[in-house]
Amino acid sequence: MGRHDVYFSIGETVGRPDALFPDCGLRRLHTPPAVYLPEWPVKVTANDAAFTTVVHFWYGEMTLNNETIANDKRVSFLQCLDLPRLAKAKLELAICLGEDGDAEERLWTQNGWRVRRSWSVSSTPFAYREYIQGSRGEFSCVKPSCIRLQNAWVSDRTICYLAAGKPAVIQHTGPSRLLPEAEGVFRFRTPTEAALALNVIENNYSKHCRVARALAEEHFDAVKVAKSLLDRA
């Protein structure tokens, strides 16, 4: 990396001796990702809305400790292919489908998922925001590297859902100082845990919506995040 005065990372484990993520000899400071809350007002969601996410499936391979692994999000999502049969909630993927998009779409729809082409919901910032605001919440898996590295990674997409007052069910990426396990944000390790989380949210939906927004206000508010960055820099 180029020479800079201060280095920041959204991985919570930076600077810890047990961190698995290589630091390249640089001292990094942790910062949460940021969302500008005034642009993400909370809107009421229809009862029949789906839990959604906007995702790119293919990222290629990565090498860690001389082991090469597939780092595609599709690998992680395939572990949850049967989730619509386990959970009460409706589930929808807005995917960049790639060259064999029709076959990929059939795979997911035949297993109970709704599928959208990601460009149709994210071609403008306003369409992207409207899609998230109209969702029941987020369900998403992560790249295998995030699970291997256990760096408590959280997506800037997920914090937009939280800011919009939408609960999130996301794959576990390691112990976190910011993210709860089962309130507003639910972090799962298995499809069974994911189904249970979706059902728990549906049983007390309004509470988890309030908690989701409160998490965004407490930890990811862009004004607070920017102030902390500047103060430390």
Protein backbone atom coordinates (compact mmCIF):
# COMPACT_ATOMS: atom_id res chain seq x y z
CA MET A 1 0.00 0.00 0.00
CA GLY A 2 1.04 3.59 -0.54
CA ARG A 3 2.52 5.66 2.27
CA HIS A 4 -0.06 7.39 4.50
CA ASP A 5 -0.02 8.97 7.92
CA VAL A 6 -2.81 6.87 9.45
CA TYR A 7 -4.41 3.59 8.38
CA PHE A 8 -7.95 2.54 9.25
CA SER A 9 -9.81 -0.73 8.80
CA ILE A 10 -13.43 -1.77 9.34
CA GLY A 11 -12.20 -5.13 10.65
CA GLU A 12 -12.63 -5.08 14.42
CA THR A 13 -9.64 -7.35 15.07
CA VAL A 14 -7.05 -4.93 13.69
CA GLY A 15 -4.18 -4.33 16.08
CA ARG A 16 -4.90 -7.41 18.18
CA PRO A 17 -2.18 -10.05 18.55
CA ASP A 18 -4.67 -12.82 17.73
CA ALA A 19 -5.84 -11.16 14.48
CA LEU A 20 -5.85 -13.55 11.51
CA PHE A 21 -5.94 -10.78 8.91
CA PRO A 22 -2.39 -9.89 7.77
CA ASP A 23 -1.47 -6.31 8.67
CA CYS A 24 1.34 -6.00 6.07
CA GLY A 25 3.48 -4.44 8.78
CA LEU A 26 1.15 -1.46 9.19
CA ARG A 27 -0.54 -0.25 12.36
CA ARG A 28 -4.25 0.04 11.63
CA LEU A 29 -7.02 1.63 13.68
CA HIS A 30 -10.55 0.30 13.69
CA THR A 31 -13.45 2.35 12.34
CA PRO A 32 -17.02 1.23 11.74
CA PRO A 33 -18.43 1.78 8.26
CA ALA A 34 -20.68 4.82 8.08
CA VAL A 35 -24.22 5.62 6.93
CA TYR A 36 -25.70 9.12 6.63
CA LEU A 37 -28.85 8.74 8.69
CA PRO A 38 -30.89 11.72 7.32
CA GLU A 39 -30.89 10.00 3.90
CA TRP A 40 -32.32 6.78 5.37
CA PRO A 41 -35.66 7.53 7.05
CA VAL A 42 -37.56 4.62 8.53
CA LYS A 43 -40.56 3.50 6.46
CA VAL A 44 -43.28 1.00 7.31
CA THR A 45 -42.93 -2.28 5.42
CA ALA A 46 -45.77 -4.40 4.09
CA ASN A 47 -46.39 -7.63 5.98
CA ASP A 48 -45.84 -9.70 2.83
CA ALA A 49 -42.50 -8.06 1.96
CA ALA A 50 -39.42 -10.25 1.65
CA PHE A 51 -36.09 -10.29 3.43
CA THR A 52 -33.70 -9.23 0.68
CA THR A 53 -30.12 -8.46 -0.16
CA VAL A 54 -28.22 -7.04 -3.14
CA VAL A 55 -25.30 -9.32 -3.92
CA HIS A 56 -22.53 -10.13 -6.36
CA PHE A 57 -21.82 -13.87 -6.26
CA TRP A 58 -18.39 -14.21 -7.85
CA TYR A 59 -15.10 -12.97 -6.35
CA GLY A 60 -12.61 -15.66 -7.40
CA GLU A 61 -10.04 -17.35 -5.18
CA MET A 62 -7.83 -16.23 -2.32
CA THR A 63 -4.74 -17.76 -0.73
CA LEU A 64 -4.39 -17.79 3.04
CA ASN A 65 -1.51 -19.56 4.80
CA ASN A 66 -0.62 -21.33 1.55
CA GLU A 67 -4.18 -22.67 1.15
CA THR A 68 -6.24 -21.55 -1.84
CA ILE A 69 -9.99 -21.31 -1.26
CA ALA A 70 -12.97 -20.27 -3.36
CA ASN A 71 -13.96 -16.83 -2.10
CA ASP A 72 -17.29 -16.53 -3.92
CA LYS A 73 -20.34 -15.47 -1.93
CA ARG A 74 -22.24 -18.08 -3.93
CA VAL A 75 -20.37 -20.77 -1.98
CA SER A 76 -21.79 -19.41 1.26
CA PHE A 77 -25.29 -18.84 -0.10
CA LEU A 78 -25.48 -22.42 -1.43
CA GLN A 79 -25.24 -23.65 2.15
CA CYS A 80 -28.59 -21.87 2.71
CA LEU A 81 -30.25 -23.00 -0.51
CA ASP A 82 -33.02 -24.80 1.42
CA LEU A 83 -33.66 -21.91 3.82
CA PRO A 84 -37.10 -20.98 2.34
CA ARG A 85 -38.30 -24.44 3.41
CA LEU A 86 -37.10 -23.86 6.98
CA ALA A 87 -38.25 -20.30 7.65
CA LYS A 88 -41.62 -18.56 7.60
CA ALA A 89 -40.22 -15.41 5.98
CA LYS A 90 -40.12 -14.73 2.24
CA LEU A 91 -36.58 -14.49 0.85
CA GLU A 92 -35.37 -12.58 -2.19
CA LEU A 93 -31.97 -12.19 -3.84
CA ALA A 94 -31.09 -9.29 -6.09
CA ILE A 95 -28.14 -10.89 -7.89
CA CYS A 96 -25.64 -10.04 -10.55
CA LEU A 97 -26.24 -13.37 -12.28
CA GLY A 98 -23.35 -13.59 -14.73
CA GLU A 99 -23.11 -15.41 -18.05
CA ASP A 100 -25.39 -18.37 -17.24
CA GLY A 101 -27.98 -16.20 -15.52
CA ASP A 102 -31.08 -18.14 -16.56
CA ALA A 103 -29.81 -21.42 -15.11
CA GLU A 104 -28.69 -19.67 -11.95
CA GLU A 105 -32.08 -18.04 -11.53
CA ARG A 106 -33.85 -21.40 -11.99
CA LEU A 107 -31.70 -22.98 -9.28
CA TRP A 108 -32.82 -20.42 -6.70
CA THR A 109 -36.44 -20.05 -7.72
CA GLN A 110 -36.95 -23.83 -7.75
CA ASN A 111 -35.83 -23.82 -4.12
CA GLY A 112 -38.25 -21.14 -3.01
CA TRP A 113 -36.27 -17.92 -3.46
CA ARG A 114 -37.46 -14.85 -5.28
CA VAL A 115 -34.80 -13.56 -7.68
CA ARG A 116 -34.28 -10.08 -9.12
CA ARG A 117 -31.51 -8.80 -11.36
CA SER A 118 -29.41 -6.54 -9.14
CA TRP A 119 -29.14 -3.74 -11.71
CA SER A 120 -32.93 -3.39 -11.64
CA VAL A 121 -32.89 -2.38 -7.97
CA SER A 122 -29.56 -0.56 -7.69
CA SER A 123 -29.04 1.36 -10.92
CA THR A 124 -29.37 4.64 -8.99
CA PRO A 125 -28.82 5.52 -5.32
CA PHE A 126 -32.52 6.30 -5.03
CA ALA A 127 -33.63 2.93 -6.45
CA TYR A 128 -31.24 1.18 -4.09
CA ARG A 129 -32.61 3.07 -1.09
CA GLU A 130 -36.21 2.42 -2.13
CA TYR A 131 -35.50 -1.30 -2.47
CA ILE A 132 -34.02 -1.53 1.02
CA GLN A 133 -36.78 0.59 2.55
CA GLY A 134 -39.39 -1.68 0.98
CA SER A 135 -37.77 -4.85 2.32
CA ARG A 136 -38.84 -6.67 5.45
CA GLY A 137 -35.19 -6.87 6.46
CA GLU A 138 -31.92 -8.25 5.17
CA PHE A 139 -30.81 -11.85 4.87
CA SER A 140 -27.27 -12.29 3.62
CA CYS A 141 -24.26 -14.57 3.60
CA VAL A 142 -20.65 -13.42 3.36
CA LYS A 143 -17.51 -14.34 1.46
CA PRO A 144 -15.73 -17.40 2.92
CA SER A 145 -12.68 -15.24 3.66
CA CYS A 146 -14.69 -13.18 6.17
CA ILE A 147 -15.55 -16.35 8.07
CA ARG A 148 -11.97 -17.65 7.93
CA LEU A 149 -10.48 -14.35 9.12
CA GLN A 150 -13.01 -13.80 11.94
CA ASN A 151 -12.62 -10.03 11.69
CA ALA A 152 -16.22 -9.14 12.64
CA TRP A 153 -16.79 -7.66 9.18
CA VAL A 154 -20.10 -5.91 8.57
CA SER A 155 -21.30 -4.71 5.18
CA ASP A 156 -22.04 -1.07 4.36
CA ARG A 157 -25.19 -2.51 2.77
CA THR A 158 -26.24 -4.08 6.07
CA ILE A 159 -25.91 -0.79 7.93
CA CYS A 160 -28.22 0.82 5.35
CA TYR A 161 -30.84 -1.79 6.24
CA LEU A 162 -30.32 -1.01 9.93
CA ALA A 163 -30.59 2.74 9.32
CA ALA A 164 -33.87 2.14 7.50
CA GLY A 165 -35.14 0.28 10.57
CA LYS A 166 -34.89 -3.16 8.96
CA PRO A 167 -33.54 -6.08 11.01
CA ALA A 168 -30.65 -8.05 9.53
CA VAL A 169 -29.89 -11.77 9.59
CA ILE A 170 -26.28 -12.10 8.49
CA GLN A 171 -23.60 -14.76 8.58
CA HIS A 172 -21.32 -14.74 11.62
CA THR A 173 -17.88 -13.25 11.00
CA GLY A 174 -16.40 -13.41 14.49
CA PRO A 175 -16.91 -11.83 17.93
CA SER A 176 -17.98 -8.19 17.70
CA ARG A 177 -17.93 -5.27 20.12
CA LEU A 178 -20.66 -3.54 18.09
CA LEU A 179 -23.01 -6.18 16.72
CA PRO A 180 -25.43 -8.10 18.92
CA GLU A 181 -26.10 -11.76 18.29
CA ALA A 182 -29.87 -11.83 18.51
CA GLU A 183 -31.56 -8.43 18.63
CA GLY A 184 -31.94 -6.12 15.64
CA VAL A 185 -29.02 -7.99 14.10
CA PHE A 186 -28.93 -11.79 14.19
CA ARG A 187 -25.70 -13.55 13.21
CA PHE A 188 -25.95 -17.19 12.21
CA ARG A 189 -23.51 -20.05 11.70
CA THR A 190 -25.90 -22.65 10.24
CA PRO A 191 -29.07 -22.57 8.10
CA THR A 192 -31.02 -23.79 11.13
CA GLU A 193 -29.83 -20.79 13.15
CA ALA A 194 -30.75 -18.50 10.24
CA ALA A 195 -34.28 -19.91 10.06
CA LEU A 196 -34.72 -19.53 13.81
CA ALA A 197 -33.55 -15.90 13.62
CA LEU A 198 -36.01 -15.07 10.83
CA ASN A 199 -38.85 -16.62 12.82
CA VAL A 200 -37.87 -14.76 16.00
CA ILE A 201 -37.90 -11.47 14.11
CA GLU A 202 -41.35 -12.15 12.67
CA ASN A 203 -42.70 -12.92 16.14
CA ASN A 204 -41.72 -9.44 17.41
CA TYR A 205 -41.07 -7.49 14.25
CA SER A 206 -41.65 -3.94 15.50
CA LYS A 207 -39.21 -4.39 18.39
CA HIS A 208 -36.40 -5.60 16.13
CA CYS A 209 -37.05 -2.71 13.71
CA ARG A 210 -36.57 -0.24 16.57
CA VAL A 211 -33.40 -1.99 17.71
CA ALA A 212 -32.02 -2.01 14.15
CA ARG A 213 -32.38 1.77 13.83
CA ALA A 214 -30.93 2.30 17.31
CA LEU A 215 -27.85 0.26 16.36
CA ALA A 216 -27.31 2.43 13.30
CA GLU A 217 -27.65 5.59 15.38
CA GLU A 218 -25.28 4.36 18.07
CA HIS A 219 -22.48 2.81 16.02
CA PHE A 220 -22.68 3.77 12.33
CA ASP A 221 -23.90 7.38 12.25
CA ALA A 222 -21.67 9.04 9.64
CA VAL A 223 -21.30 12.23 11.70
CA LYS A 224 -20.00 10.29 14.71
CA VAL A 225 -17.79 8.05 12.57
CA ALA A 226 -16.24 10.98 10.68
CA LYS A 227 -15.58 12.89 13.90
CA SER A 228 -13.81 9.88 15.41
CA LEU A 229 -11.72 9.41 12.26
CA LEU A 230 -10.64 13.04 12.22
CA ASP A 231 -9.96 13.18 15.96
CA ARG A 232 -7.65 10.17 15.77
CA ALA A 233 -5.99 11.23 12.52
